[in-house]
Amino acid sequence: MPVKRAPPEALAHVPDGHLAPAALQQYCNSFSLGPITIQYCVDPGVPQVTYTVTLLGVSIGSGVLDTNDPSVTLGGSVAGFKAQITLAASFTEDQVTYDITLCTPFGGCTEYSGVLFSW
């Protein structure tokens, strides 16, 4: 693919400092614990948290936490690894907590818990 330099006025139609206000309403990040990854986005204005959980890169669940459904428990097994993850959103405390049980084929089972994030 050839690359060529664009003239300085190529984006003159895009105003400086232009950013949709909704872009600042959502905060996304991820958290990994060994073979488990939790990707999440929080939109405090709605309020809701979207999430995807993977085990060794394989999706074991995704969805939305909101005031009607503030918690979820997911589980799965991939290549000898087993995991159960509970996510709980508190929209009064502005945080999401996790409880994780992870079993590995070589190290047994371990439990983890804490605050995934707060806003």
PDB file of N, CA and C in Angstrom:
ATOM      1  N   MET A   1       0.846  -1.155   0.000  1.00  0.00           N
ATOM      2  CA  MET A   1       0.000   0.000   0.000  1.00  0.00           C
ATOM      3  C   MET A   1       0.902   1.231   0.000  1.00  0.00           C
ATOM      4  N   PRO A   2       0.749   2.089  -0.989  1.00  0.00           N
ATOM      5  CA  PRO A   2       1.574   3.295  -1.018  1.00  0.00           C
ATOM      6  C   PRO A   2       1.122   4.304   0.025  1.00  0.00           C
ATOM      7  N   VAL A   3       2.078   5.037   0.540  1.00  0.00           N
ATOM      8  CA  VAL A   3       1.800   6.071   1.527  1.00  0.00           C
ATOM      9  C   VAL A   3       2.206   7.397   0.922  1.00  0.00           C
ATOM     10  N   LYS A   4       1.313   8.387   1.017  1.00  0.00           N
ATOM     11  CA  LYS A   4       1.677   9.713   0.528  1.00  0.00           C
ATOM     12  C   LYS A   4       1.292  10.753   1.561  1.00  0.00           C
ATOM     13  N   ARG A   5       2.015  11.812   1.587  1.00  0.00           N
ATOM     14  CA  ARG A   5       1.778  12.892   2.542  1.00  0.00           C
ATOM     15  C   ARG A   5       0.535  13.672   2.121  1.00  0.00           C
ATOM     16  N   ALA A   6      -0.321  13.955   3.109  1.00  0.00           N
ATOM     17  CA  ALA A   6      -1.527  14.750   2.862  1.00  0.00           C
ATOM     18  C   ALA A   6      -1.214  16.212   3.098  1.00  0.00           C
ATOM     19  N   PRO A   7      -1.886  17.108   2.382  1.00  0.00           N
ATOM     20  CA  PRO A   7      -1.648  18.542   2.597  1.00  0.00           C
ATOM     21  C   PRO A   7      -2.203  18.970   3.953  1.00  0.00           C
ATOM     22  N   PRO A   8      -1.673  20.032   4.542  1.00  0.00           N
ATOM     23  CA  PRO A   8      -2.108  20.487   5.868  1.00  0.00           C
ATOM     24  C   PRO A   8      -3.602  20.788   5.944  1.00  0.00           C
ATOM     25  N   GLU A   9      -4.229  21.170   4.846  1.00  0.00           N
ATOM     26  CA  GLU A   9      -5.651  21.507   4.863  1.00  0.00           C
ATOM     27  C   GLU A   9      -6.547  20.287   4.627  1.00  0.00           C
ATOM     28  N   ALA A  10      -5.980  19.098   4.589  1.00  0.00           N
ATOM     29  CA  ALA A  10      -6.749  17.889   4.286  1.00  0.00           C
ATOM     30  C   ALA A  10      -7.899  17.673   5.273  1.00  0.00           C
ATOM     31  N   LEU A  11      -7.737  18.079   6.510  1.00  0.00           N
ATOM     32  CA  LEU A  11      -8.788  17.884   7.514  1.00  0.00           C
ATOM     33  C   LEU A  11      -9.324  19.212   8.034  1.00  0.00           C
ATOM     34  N   ALA A  12      -9.345  20.201   7.177  1.00  0.00           N
ATOM     35  CA  ALA A  12      -9.834  21.525   7.574  1.00  0.00           C
ATOM     36  C   ALA A  12     -11.295  21.486   8.002  1.00  0.00           C
ATOM     37  N   HIS A  13     -12.057  20.524   7.519  1.00  0.00           N
ATOM     38  CA  HIS A  13     -13.479  20.412   7.859  1.00  0.00           C
ATOM     39  C   HIS A  13     -13.719  19.847   9.267  1.00  0.00           C
ATOM     40  N   VAL A  14     -12.678  19.323   9.904  1.00  0.00           N
ATOM     41  CA  VAL A  14     -12.800  18.793  11.266  1.00  0.00           C
ATOM     42  C   VAL A  14     -12.349  19.890  12.230  1.00  0.00           C
ATOM     43  N   PRO A  15     -13.283  20.410  13.049  1.00  0.00           N
ATOM     44  CA  PRO A  15     -12.901  21.505  13.947  1.00  0.00           C
ATOM     45  C   PRO A  15     -11.929  21.038  15.039  1.00  0.00           C
ATOM     46  N   ASP A  16     -11.038  21.936  15.434  1.00  0.00           N
ATOM     47  CA  ASP A  16     -10.124  21.650  16.534  1.00  0.00           C
ATOM     48  C   ASP A  16     -10.915  21.455  17.822  1.00  0.00           C
ATOM     49  N   GLY A  17     -10.462  20.530  18.645  1.00  0.00           N
ATOM     50  CA  GLY A  17     -11.121  20.298  19.924  1.00  0.00           C
ATOM     51  C   GLY A  17     -12.468  19.630  19.793  1.00  0.00           C
ATOM     52  N   HIS A  18     -12.746  19.028  18.642  1.00  0.00           N
ATOM     53  CA  HIS A  18     -14.053  18.400  18.433  1.00  0.00           C
ATOM     54  C   HIS A  18     -14.025  16.960  18.956  1.00  0.00           C
ATOM     55  N   LEU A  19     -14.853  16.714  19.954  1.00  0.00           N
ATOM     56  CA  LEU A  19     -14.997  15.380  20.513  1.00  0.00           C
ATOM     57  C   LEU A  19     -16.427  15.248  20.997  1.00  0.00           C
ATOM     58  N   ALA A  20     -17.090  14.211  20.577  1.00  0.00           N
ATOM     59  CA  ALA A  20     -18.475  14.009  20.995  1.00  0.00           C
ATOM     60  C   ALA A  20     -18.523  13.863  22.515  1.00  0.00           C
ATOM     61  N   PRO A  21     -19.433  14.553  23.202  1.00  0.00           N
ATOM     62  CA  PRO A  21     -19.524  14.457  24.662  1.00  0.00           C
ATOM     63  C   PRO A  21     -19.717  13.024  25.154  1.00  0.00           C
ATOM     64  N   ALA A  22     -20.404  12.197  24.380  1.00  0.00           N
ATOM     65  CA  ALA A  22     -20.640  10.807  24.794  1.00  0.00           C
ATOM     66  C   ALA A  22     -19.337  10.015  24.896  1.00  0.00           C
ATOM     67  N   ALA A  23     -18.299  10.433  24.154  1.00  0.00           N
ATOM     68  CA  ALA A  23     -17.022   9.725  24.205  1.00  0.00           C
ATOM     69  C   ALA A  23     -16.387   9.808  25.581  1.00  0.00           C
ATOM     70  N   LEU A  24     -16.710  10.849  26.325  1.00  0.00           N
ATOM     71  CA  LEU A  24     -16.146  11.021  27.662  1.00  0.00           C
ATOM     72  C   LEU A  24     -16.999  10.374  28.750  1.00  0.00           C
ATOM     73  N   GLN A  25     -18.133   9.826  28.388  1.00  0.00           N
ATOM     74  CA  GLN A  25     -19.040   9.226  29.354  1.00  0.00           C
ATOM     75  C   GLN A  25     -18.715   7.774  29.639  1.00  0.00           C
ATOM     76  N   GLN A  26     -17.910   7.150  28.794  1.00  0.00           N
ATOM     77  CA  GLN A  26     -17.629   5.735  28.966  1.00  0.00           C
ATOM     78  C   GLN A  26     -16.143   5.524  29.234  1.00  0.00           C
ATOM     79  N   TYR A  27     -15.854   4.679  30.202  1.00  0.00           N
ATOM     80  CA  TYR A  27     -14.481   4.356  30.566  1.00  0.00           C
ATOM     81  C   TYR A  27     -14.287   2.862  30.398  1.00  0.00           C
ATOM     82  N   CYS A  28     -13.295   2.451  29.622  1.00  0.00           N
ATOM     83  CA  CYS A  28     -13.052   1.033  29.357  1.00  0.00           C
ATOM     84  C   CYS A  28     -11.650   0.644  29.804  1.00  0.00           C
ATOM     85  N   ASN A  29     -11.525  -0.601  30.248  1.00  0.00           N
ATOM     86  CA  ASN A  29     -10.235  -1.117  30.675  1.00  0.00           C
ATOM     87  C   ASN A  29     -10.324  -2.636  30.722  1.00  0.00           C
ATOM     88  N   SER A  30      -9.252  -3.267  31.162  1.00  0.00           N
ATOM     89  CA  SER A  30      -9.263  -4.722  31.331  1.00  0.00           C
ATOM     90  C   SER A  30      -8.437  -5.094  32.550  1.00  0.00           C
ATOM     91  N   PHE A  31      -8.701  -6.286  33.055  1.00  0.00           N
ATOM     92  CA  PHE A  31      -8.029  -6.820  34.239  1.00  0.00           C
ATOM     93  C   PHE A  31      -7.701  -8.270  33.926  1.00  0.00           C
ATOM     94  N   SER A  32      -6.471  -8.670  34.168  1.00  0.00           N
ATOM     95  CA  SER A  32      -6.068 -10.056  33.914  1.00  0.00           C
ATOM     96  C   SER A  32      -5.519 -10.678  35.177  1.00  0.00           C
ATOM     97  N   LEU A  33      -5.857 -11.927  35.343  1.00  0.00           N
ATOM     98  CA  LEU A  33      -5.354 -12.724  36.449  1.00  0.00           C
ATOM     99  C   LEU A  33      -4.979 -14.078  35.864  1.00  0.00           C
ATOM    100  N   GLY A  34      -3.686 -14.250  35.559  1.00  0.00           N
ATOM    101  CA  GLY A  34      -3.251 -15.481  34.906  1.00  0.00           C
ATOM    102  C   GLY A  34      -4.000 -15.676  33.595  1.00  0.00           C
ATOM    103  N   PRO A  35      -4.693 -16.798  33.438  1.00  0.00           N
ATOM    104  CA  PRO A  35      -5.379 -17.076  32.173  1.00  0.00           C
ATOM    105  C   PRO A  35      -6.736 -16.387  32.023  1.00  0.00           C
ATOM    106  N   ILE A  36      -7.166 -15.631  33.036  1.00  0.00           N
ATOM    107  CA  ILE A  36      -8.473 -14.969  33.010  1.00  0.00           C
ATOM    108  C   ILE A  36      -8.296 -13.499  32.638  1.00  0.00           C
ATOM    109  N   THR A  37      -9.126 -13.016  31.713  1.00  0.00           N
ATOM    110  CA  THR A  37      -9.155 -11.591  31.383  1.00  0.00           C
ATOM    111  C   THR A  37     -10.595 -11.102  31.459  1.00  0.00           C
ATOM    112  N   ILE A  38     -10.784  -9.984  32.136  1.00  0.00           N
ATOM    113  CA  ILE A  38     -12.086  -9.329  32.218  1.00  0.00           C
ATOM    114  C   ILE A  38     -11.951  -7.980  31.529  1.00  0.00           C
ATOM    115  N   GLN A  39     -12.668  -7.800  30.436  1.00  0.00           N
ATOM    116  CA  GLN A  39     -12.718  -6.511  29.751  1.00  0.00           C
ATOM    117  C   GLN A  39     -14.025  -5.857  30.150  1.00  0.00           C
ATOM    118  N   TYR A  40     -13.976  -4.551  30.445  1.00  0.00           N
ATOM    119  CA  TYR A  40     -15.181  -3.887  30.910  1.00  0.00           C
ATOM    120  C   TYR A  40     -15.213  -2.433  30.465  1.00  0.00           C
ATOM    121  N   CYS A  41     -16.425  -1.921  30.363  1.00  0.00           N
ATOM    122  CA  CYS A  41     -16.672  -0.504  30.105  1.00  0.00           C
ATOM    123  C   CYS A  41     -17.764  -0.054  31.058  1.00  0.00           C
ATOM    124  N   VAL A  42     -17.564   1.089  31.674  1.00  0.00           N
ATOM    125  CA  VAL A  42     -18.582   1.632  32.571  1.00  0.00           C
ATOM    126  C   VAL A  42     -19.070   2.963  31.999  1.00  0.00           C
ATOM    127  N   ASP A  43     -20.363   3.142  32.040  1.00  0.00           N
ATOM    128  CA  ASP A  43     -20.991   4.399  31.653  1.00  0.00           C
ATOM    129  C   ASP A  43     -21.824   4.861  32.839  1.00  0.00           C
ATOM    130  N   PRO A  44     -21.249   5.709  33.717  1.00  0.00           N
ATOM    131  CA  PRO A  44     -21.958   6.113  34.929  1.00  0.00           C
ATOM    132  C   PRO A  44     -23.223   6.918  34.648  1.00  0.00           C
ATOM    133  N   GLY A  45     -23.335   7.499  33.479  1.00  0.00           N
ATOM    134  CA  GLY A  45     -24.522   8.269  33.160  1.00  0.00           C
ATOM    135  C   GLY A  45     -25.746   7.411  32.922  1.00  0.00           C
ATOM    136  N   VAL A  46     -25.566   6.126  32.593  1.00  0.00           N
ATOM    137  CA  VAL A  46     -26.717   5.275  32.246  1.00  0.00           C
ATOM    138  C   VAL A  46     -27.434   4.736  33.481  1.00  0.00           C
ATOM    139  N   PRO A  47     -26.918   4.189  34.512  1.00  0.00           N
ATOM    140  CA  PRO A  47     -25.611   3.584  34.744  1.00  0.00           C
ATOM    141  C   PRO A  47     -25.594   2.109  34.313  1.00  0.00           C
ATOM    142  N   GLN A  48     -24.463   1.689  33.749  1.00  0.00           N
ATOM    143  CA  GLN A  48     -24.310   0.286  33.382  1.00  0.00           C
ATOM    144  C   GLN A  48     -22.842  -0.045  33.168  1.00  0.00           C
ATOM    145  N   VAL A  49     -22.542  -1.341  33.247  1.00  0.00           N
ATOM    146  CA  VAL A  49     -21.201  -1.858  33.001  1.00  0.00           C
ATOM    147  C   VAL A  49     -21.345  -2.999  32.003  1.00  0.00           C
ATOM    148  N   THR A  50     -20.636  -2.923  30.881  1.00  0.00           N
ATOM    149  CA  THR A  50     -20.594  -4.044  29.952  1.00  0.00           C
ATOM    150  C   THR A  50     -19.310  -4.817  30.232  1.00  0.00           C
ATOM    151  N   TYR A  51     -19.343  -6.131  30.026  1.00  0.00           N
ATOM    152  CA  TYR A  51     -18.183  -6.957  30.340  1.00  0.00           C
ATOM    153  C   TYR A  51     -18.076  -8.126  29.370  1.00  0.00           C
ATOM    154  N   THR A  52     -16.848  -8.606  29.212  1.00  0.00           N
ATOM    155  CA  THR A  52     -16.542  -9.850  28.518  1.00  0.00           C
ATOM    156  C   THR A  52     -15.472 -10.546  29.339  1.00  0.00           C
ATOM    157  N   VAL A  53     -15.657 -11.833  29.600  1.00  0.00           N
ATOM    158  CA  VAL A  53     -14.699 -12.604  30.385  1.00  0.00           C
ATOM    159  C   VAL A  53     -14.156 -13.730  29.505  1.00  0.00           C
ATOM    160  N   THR A  54     -12.827 -13.862  29.483  1.00  0.00           N
ATOM    161  CA  THR A  54     -12.202 -14.941  28.718  1.00  0.00           C
ATOM    162  C   THR A  54     -11.315 -15.775  29.634  1.00  0.00           C
ATOM    163  N   LEU A  55     -11.184 -17.034  29.261  1.00  0.00           N
ATOM    164  CA  LEU A  55     -10.288 -17.974  29.930  1.00  0.00           C
ATOM    165  C   LEU A  55      -9.384 -18.535  28.850  1.00  0.00           C
ATOM    166  N   LEU A  56      -8.095 -18.267  28.951  1.00  0.00           N
ATOM    167  CA  LEU A  56      -7.120 -18.640  27.925  1.00  0.00           C
ATOM    168  C   LEU A  56      -7.536 -18.121  26.551  1.00  0.00           C
ATOM    169  N   GLY A  57      -8.129 -16.931  26.524  1.00  0.00           N
ATOM    170  CA  GLY A  57      -8.531 -16.315  25.269  1.00  0.00           C
ATOM    171  C   GLY A  57      -9.866 -16.780  24.720  1.00  0.00           C
ATOM    172  N   VAL A  58     -10.512 -17.725  25.393  1.00  0.00           N
ATOM    173  CA  VAL A  58     -11.817 -18.237  24.962  1.00  0.00           C
ATOM    174  C   VAL A  58     -12.903 -17.561  25.791  1.00  0.00           C
ATOM    175  N   SER A  59     -13.884 -16.976  25.130  1.00  0.00           N
ATOM    176  CA  SER A  59     -14.958 -16.276  25.839  1.00  0.00           C
ATOM    177  C   SER A  59     -15.784 -17.261  26.657  1.00  0.00           C
ATOM    178  N   ILE A  60     -15.966 -16.944  27.933  1.00  0.00           N
ATOM    179  CA  ILE A  60     -16.845 -17.763  28.781  1.00  0.00           C
ATOM    180  C   ILE A  60     -18.067 -16.971  29.218  1.00  0.00           C
ATOM    181  N   GLY A  61     -18.183 -15.725  28.738  1.00  0.00           N
ATOM    182  CA  GLY A  61     -19.387 -14.959  29.027  1.00  0.00           C
ATOM    183  C   GLY A  61     -19.215 -13.486  28.779  1.00  0.00           C
ATOM    184  N   SER A  62     -20.349 -12.832  28.496  1.00  0.00           N
ATOM    185  CA  SER A  62     -20.364 -11.387  28.329  1.00  0.00           C
ATOM    186  C   SER A  62     -21.776 -10.906  28.597  1.00  0.00           C
ATOM    187  N   GLY A  63     -21.897  -9.621  28.880  1.00  0.00           N
ATOM    188  CA  GLY A  63     -23.220  -9.083  29.157  1.00  0.00           C
ATOM    189  C   GLY A  63     -23.151  -7.694  29.725  1.00  0.00           C
ATOM    190  N   VAL A  64     -24.228  -7.331  30.416  1.00  0.00           N
ATOM    191  CA  VAL A  64     -24.376  -5.993  30.974  1.00  0.00           C
ATOM    192  C   VAL A  64     -24.811  -6.102  32.429  1.00  0.00           C
ATOM    193  N   LEU A  65     -24.143  -5.357  33.299  1.00  0.00           N
ATOM    194  CA  LEU A  65     -24.582  -5.183  34.679  1.00  0.00           C
ATOM    195  C   LEU A  65     -25.254  -3.826  34.766  1.00  0.00           C
ATOM    196  N   ASP A  66     -26.433  -3.784  35.349  1.00  0.00           N
ATOM    197  CA  ASP A  66     -27.124  -2.517  35.545  1.00  0.00           C
ATOM    198  C   ASP A  66     -27.906  -2.581  36.848  1.00  0.00           C
ATOM    199  N   THR A  67     -28.721  -1.582  37.109  1.00  0.00           N
ATOM    200  CA  THR A  67     -29.442  -1.541  38.383  1.00  0.00           C
ATOM    201  C   THR A  67     -30.470  -2.668  38.501  1.00  0.00           C
ATOM    202  N   ASN A  68     -30.952  -3.205  37.382  1.00  0.00           N
ATOM    203  CA  ASN A  68     -31.902  -4.327  37.421  1.00  0.00           C
ATOM    204  C   ASN A  68     -31.204  -5.664  37.598  1.00  0.00           C
ATOM    205  N   ASP A  69     -30.013  -5.824  37.016  1.00  0.00           N
ATOM    206  CA  ASP A  69     -29.217  -7.043  37.113  1.00  0.00           C
ATOM    207  C   ASP A  69     -27.794  -6.665  37.509  1.00  0.00           C
ATOM    208  N   PRO A  70     -27.549  -6.422  38.805  1.00  0.00           N
ATOM    209  CA  PRO A  70     -26.251  -5.897  39.218  1.00  0.00           C
ATOM    210  C   PRO A  70     -25.150  -6.943  39.415  1.00  0.00           C
ATOM    211  N   SER A  71     -25.468  -8.239  39.282  1.00  0.00           N
ATOM    212  CA  SER A  71     -24.406  -9.232  39.465  1.00  0.00           C
ATOM    213  C   SER A  71     -24.593 -10.407  38.517  1.00  0.00           C
ATOM    214  N   VAL A  72     -23.491 -11.102  38.291  1.00  0.00           N
ATOM    215  CA  VAL A  72     -23.500 -12.263  37.403  1.00  0.00           C
ATOM    216  C   VAL A  72     -22.420 -13.229  37.871  1.00  0.00           C
ATOM    217  N   THR A  73     -22.667 -14.529  37.677  1.00  0.00           N
ATOM    218  CA  THR A  73     -21.658 -15.554  37.933  1.00  0.00           C
ATOM    219  C   THR A  73     -21.476 -16.347  36.646  1.00  0.00           C
ATOM    220  N   LEU A  74     -20.226 -16.440  36.197  1.00  0.00           N
ATOM    221  CA  LEU A  74     -19.867 -17.136  34.969  1.00  0.00           C
ATOM    222  C   LEU A  74     -18.876 -18.230  35.302  1.00  0.00           C
ATOM    223  N   GLY A  75     -18.849 -19.261  34.484  1.00  0.00           N
ATOM    224  CA  GLY A  75     -17.867 -20.302  34.690  1.00  0.00           C
ATOM    225  C   GLY A  75     -17.529 -20.984  33.393  1.00  0.00           C
ATOM    226  N   GLY A  76     -16.361 -21.616  33.381  1.00  0.00           N
ATOM    227  CA  GLY A  76     -15.957 -22.333  32.187  1.00  0.00           C
ATOM    228  C   GLY A  76     -14.710 -23.151  32.433  1.00  0.00           C
ATOM    229  N   SER A  77     -14.419 -23.994  31.443  1.00  0.00           N
ATOM    230  CA  SER A  77     -13.252 -24.860  31.507  1.00  0.00           C
ATOM    231  C   SER A  77     -12.618 -24.897  30.121  1.00  0.00           C
ATOM    232  N   VAL A  78     -11.306 -24.660  30.085  1.00  0.00           N
ATOM    233  CA  VAL A  78     -10.558 -24.667  28.825  1.00  0.00           C
ATOM    234  C   VAL A  78      -9.201 -25.307  29.080  1.00  0.00           C
ATOM    235  N   ALA A  79      -8.878 -26.355  28.340  1.00  0.00           N
ATOM    236  CA  ALA A  79      -7.547 -26.982  28.369  1.00  0.00           C
ATOM    237  C   ALA A  79      -7.091 -27.327  29.788  1.00  0.00           C
ATOM    238  N   GLY A  80      -7.987 -27.822  30.606  1.00  0.00           N
ATOM    239  CA  GLY A  80      -7.637 -28.220  31.966  1.00  0.00           C
ATOM    240  C   GLY A  80      -7.729 -27.108  32.992  1.00  0.00           C
ATOM    241  N   PHE A  81      -7.927 -25.880  32.571  1.00  0.00           N
ATOM    242  CA  PHE A  81      -8.121 -24.748  33.475  1.00  0.00           C
ATOM    243  C   PHE A  81      -9.611 -24.586  33.705  1.00  0.00           C
ATOM    244  N   LYS A  82     -10.001 -24.375  34.959  1.00  0.00           N
ATOM    245  CA  LYS A  82     -11.405 -24.139  35.297  1.00  0.00           C
ATOM    246  C   LYS A  82     -11.504 -22.834  36.067  1.00  0.00           C
ATOM    247  N   ALA A  83     -12.588 -22.093  35.817  1.00  0.00           N
ATOM    248  CA  ALA A  83     -12.743 -20.814  36.498  1.00  0.00           C
ATOM    249  C   ALA A  83     -14.211 -20.523  36.749  1.00  0.00           C
ATOM    250  N   GLN A  84     -14.458 -19.862  37.866  1.00  0.00           N
ATOM    251  CA  GLN A  84     -15.773 -19.293  38.156  1.00  0.00           C
ATOM    252  C   GLN A  84     -15.542 -17.860  38.585  1.00  0.00           C
ATOM    253  N   ILE A  85     -16.262 -16.946  37.950  1.00  0.00           N
ATOM    254  CA  ILE A  85     -16.094 -15.524  38.192  1.00  0.00           C
ATOM    255  C   ILE A  85     -17.440 -14.920  38.546  1.00  0.00           C
ATOM    256  N   THR A  86     -17.503 -14.190  39.653  1.00  0.00           N
ATOM    257  CA  THR A  86     -18.692 -13.428  40.011  1.00  0.00           C
ATOM    258  C   THR A  86     -18.326 -11.961  39.972  1.00  0.00           C
ATOM    259  N   LEU A  87     -19.112 -11.190  39.213  1.00  0.00           N
ATOM    260  CA  LEU A  87     -18.955  -9.745  39.158  1.00  0.00           C
ATOM    261  C   LEU A  87     -20.193  -9.125  39.782  1.00  0.00           C
ATOM    262  N   ALA A  88     -20.002  -8.117  40.620  1.00  0.00           N
ATOM    263  CA  ALA A  88     -21.132  -7.447  41.278  1.00  0.00           C
ATOM    264  C   ALA A  88     -20.924  -5.938  41.224  1.00  0.00           C
ATOM    265  N   ALA A  89     -21.894  -5.245  40.650  1.00  0.00           N
ATOM    266  CA  ALA A  89     -21.833  -3.792  40.549  1.00  0.00           C
ATOM    267  C   ALA A  89     -22.659  -3.165  41.655  1.00  0.00           C
ATOM    268  N   SER A  90     -22.080  -2.183  42.319  1.00  0.00           N
ATOM    269  CA  SER A  90     -22.811  -1.376  43.294  1.00  0.00           C
ATOM    270  C   SER A  90     -22.851   0.042  42.749  1.00  0.00           C
ATOM    271  N   PHE A  91     -24.023   0.447  42.293  1.00  0.00           N
ATOM    272  CA  PHE A  91     -24.154   1.786  41.724  1.00  0.00           C
ATOM    273  C   PHE A  91     -24.322   2.855  42.801  1.00  0.00           C
ATOM    274  N   THR A  92     -24.508   2.435  44.062  1.00  0.00           N
ATOM    275  CA  THR A  92     -24.518   3.398  45.166  1.00  0.00           C
ATOM    276  C   THR A  92     -23.097   3.630  45.687  1.00  0.00           C
ATOM    277  N   GLU A  93     -22.257   2.590  45.619  1.00  0.00           N
ATOM    278  CA  GLU A  93     -20.858   2.716  46.040  1.00  0.00           C
ATOM    279  C   GLU A  93     -19.934   3.015  44.871  1.00  0.00           C
ATOM    280  N   ASP A  94     -20.469   3.020  43.651  1.00  0.00           N
ATOM    281  CA  ASP A  94     -19.708   3.311  42.429  1.00  0.00           C
ATOM    282  C   ASP A  94     -18.496   2.392  42.284  1.00  0.00           C
ATOM    283  N   GLN A  95     -18.762   1.085  42.316  1.00  0.00           N
ATOM    284  CA  GLN A  95     -17.680   0.123  42.143  1.00  0.00           C
ATOM    285  C   GLN A  95     -18.202  -1.214  41.653  1.00  0.00           C
ATOM    286  N   VAL A  96     -17.281  -1.999  41.091  1.00  0.00           N
ATOM    287  CA  VAL A  96     -17.567  -3.376  40.709  1.00  0.00           C
ATOM    288  C   VAL A  96     -16.557  -4.257  41.432  1.00  0.00           C
ATOM    289  N   THR A  97     -17.044  -5.300  42.086  1.00  0.00           N
ATOM    290  CA  THR A  97     -16.184  -6.236  42.793  1.00  0.00           C
ATOM    291  C   THR A  97     -16.150  -7.563  42.039  1.00  0.00           C
ATOM    292  N   TYR A  98     -15.131  -8.367  42.344  1.00  0.00           N
ATOM    293  CA  TYR A  98     -15.006  -9.686  41.732  1.00  0.00           C
ATOM    294  C   TYR A  98     -14.693 -10.729  42.793  1.00  0.00           C
ATOM    295  N   ASP A  99     -15.171 -11.925  42.539  1.00  0.00           N
ATOM    296  CA  ASP A  99     -14.793 -13.137  43.269  1.00  0.00           C
ATOM    297  C   ASP A  99     -14.441 -14.156  42.209  1.00  0.00           C
ATOM    298  N   ILE A 100     -13.232 -14.686  42.279  1.00  0.00           N
ATOM    299  CA  ILE A 100     -12.744 -15.613  41.264  1.00  0.00           C
ATOM    300  C   ILE A 100     -12.222 -16.864  41.944  1.00  0.00           C
ATOM    301  N   THR A 101     -12.633 -18.009  41.436  1.00  0.00           N
ATOM    302  CA  THR A 101     -12.010 -19.275  41.800  1.00  0.00           C
ATOM    303  C   THR A 101     -11.368 -19.820  40.537  1.00  0.00           C
ATOM    304  N   LEU A 102     -10.066 -20.063  40.592  1.00  0.00           N
ATOM    305  CA  LEU A 102      -9.312 -20.538  39.439  1.00  0.00           C
ATOM    306  C   LEU A 102      -8.622 -21.838  39.799  1.00  0.00           C
ATOM    307  N   CYS A 103      -8.861 -22.866  38.988  1.00  0.00           N
ATOM    308  CA  CYS A 103      -8.199 -24.160  39.168  1.00  0.00           C
ATOM    309  C   CYS A 103      -7.321 -24.417  37.950  1.00  0.00           C
ATOM    310  N   THR A 104      -6.052 -24.738  38.220  1.00  0.00           N
ATOM    311  CA  THR A 104      -5.112 -25.016  37.137  1.00  0.00           C
ATOM    312  C   THR A 104      -4.726 -26.490  37.188  1.00  0.00           C
ATOM    313  N   PRO A 105      -4.340 -27.057  36.052  1.00  0.00           N
ATOM    314  CA  PRO A 105      -3.983 -28.472  36.041  1.00  0.00           C
ATOM    315  C   PRO A 105      -2.702 -28.781  36.811  1.00  0.00           C
ATOM    316  N   PHE A 106      -1.916 -27.765  37.130  1.00  0.00           N
ATOM    317  CA  PHE A 106      -0.631 -27.991  37.788  1.00  0.00           C
ATOM    318  C   PHE A 106      -0.524 -27.358  39.172  1.00  0.00           C
ATOM    319  N   GLY A 107      -1.494 -26.516  39.567  1.00  0.00           N
ATOM    320  CA  GLY A 107      -1.336 -25.806  40.837  1.00  0.00           C
ATOM    321  C   GLY A 107      -2.529 -25.865  41.754  1.00  0.00           C
ATOM    322  N   GLY A 108      -3.548 -26.644  41.430  1.00  0.00           N
ATOM    323  CA  GLY A 108      -4.712 -26.702  42.294  1.00  0.00           C
ATOM    324  C   GLY A 108      -5.604 -25.492  42.107  1.00  0.00           C
ATOM    325  N   CYS A 109      -6.399 -25.203  43.126  1.00  0.00           N
ATOM    326  CA  CYS A 109      -7.393 -24.124  43.047  1.00  0.00           C
ATOM    327  C   CYS A 109      -7.033 -22.986  44.000  1.00  0.00           C
ATOM    328  N   THR A 110      -7.327 -21.770  43.565  1.00  0.00           N
ATOM    329  CA  THR A 110      -7.059 -20.570  44.349  1.00  0.00           C
ATOM    330  C   THR A 110      -8.245 -19.632  44.219  1.00  0.00           C
ATOM    331  N   GLU A 111      -8.567 -18.936  45.310  1.00  0.00           N
ATOM    332  CA  GLU A 111      -9.651 -17.955  45.295  1.00  0.00           C
ATOM    333  C   GLU A 111      -9.066 -16.551  45.392  1.00  0.00           C
ATOM    334  N   TYR A 112      -9.679 -15.648  44.656  1.00  0.00           N
ATOM    335  CA  TYR A 112      -9.268 -14.245  44.634  1.00  0.00           C
ATOM    336  C   TYR A 112     -10.523 -13.387  44.768  1.00  0.00           C
ATOM    337  N   SER A 113     -10.396 -12.224  45.402  1.00  0.00           N
ATOM    338  CA  SER A 113     -11.520 -11.292  45.469  1.00  0.00           C
ATOM    339  C   SER A 113     -10.976  -9.887  45.656  1.00  0.00           C
ATOM    340  N   GLY A 114     -11.781  -8.913  45.258  1.00  0.00           N
ATOM    341  CA  GLY A 114     -11.364  -7.527  45.408  1.00  0.00           C
ATOM    342  C   GLY A 114     -12.260  -6.601  44.626  1.00  0.00           C
ATOM    343  N   VAL A 115     -11.836  -5.356  44.539  1.00  0.00           N
ATOM    344  CA  VAL A 115     -12.537  -4.342  43.766  1.00  0.00           C
ATOM    345  C   VAL A 115     -11.937  -4.336  42.369  1.00  0.00           C
ATOM    346  N   LEU A 116     -12.760  -4.636  41.371  1.00  0.00           N
ATOM    347  CA  LEU A 116     -12.286  -4.614  39.980  1.00  0.00           C
ATOM    348  C   LEU A 116     -11.983  -3.187  39.564  1.00  0.00           C
ATOM    349  N   PHE A 117     -12.892  -2.263  39.849  1.00  0.00           N
ATOM    350  CA  PHE A 117     -12.665  -0.854  39.593  1.00  0.00           C
ATOM    351  C   PHE A 117     -13.740  -0.041  40.296  1.00  0.00           C
ATOM    352  N   SER A 118     -13.472   1.234  40.443  1.00  0.00           N
ATOM    353  CA  SER A 118     -14.450   2.161  41.013  1.00  0.00           C
ATOM    354  C   SER A 118     -14.429   3.437  40.190  1.00  0.00           C
ATOM    355  N   TRP A 119     -15.472   4.195  40.288  1.00  0.00           N
ATOM    356  CA  TRP A 119     -15.555   5.441  39.526  1.00  0.00           C
ATOM    357  C   TRP A 119     -16.105   6.558  40.374  1.00  0.00           C
TER     358      TRP A 119
END
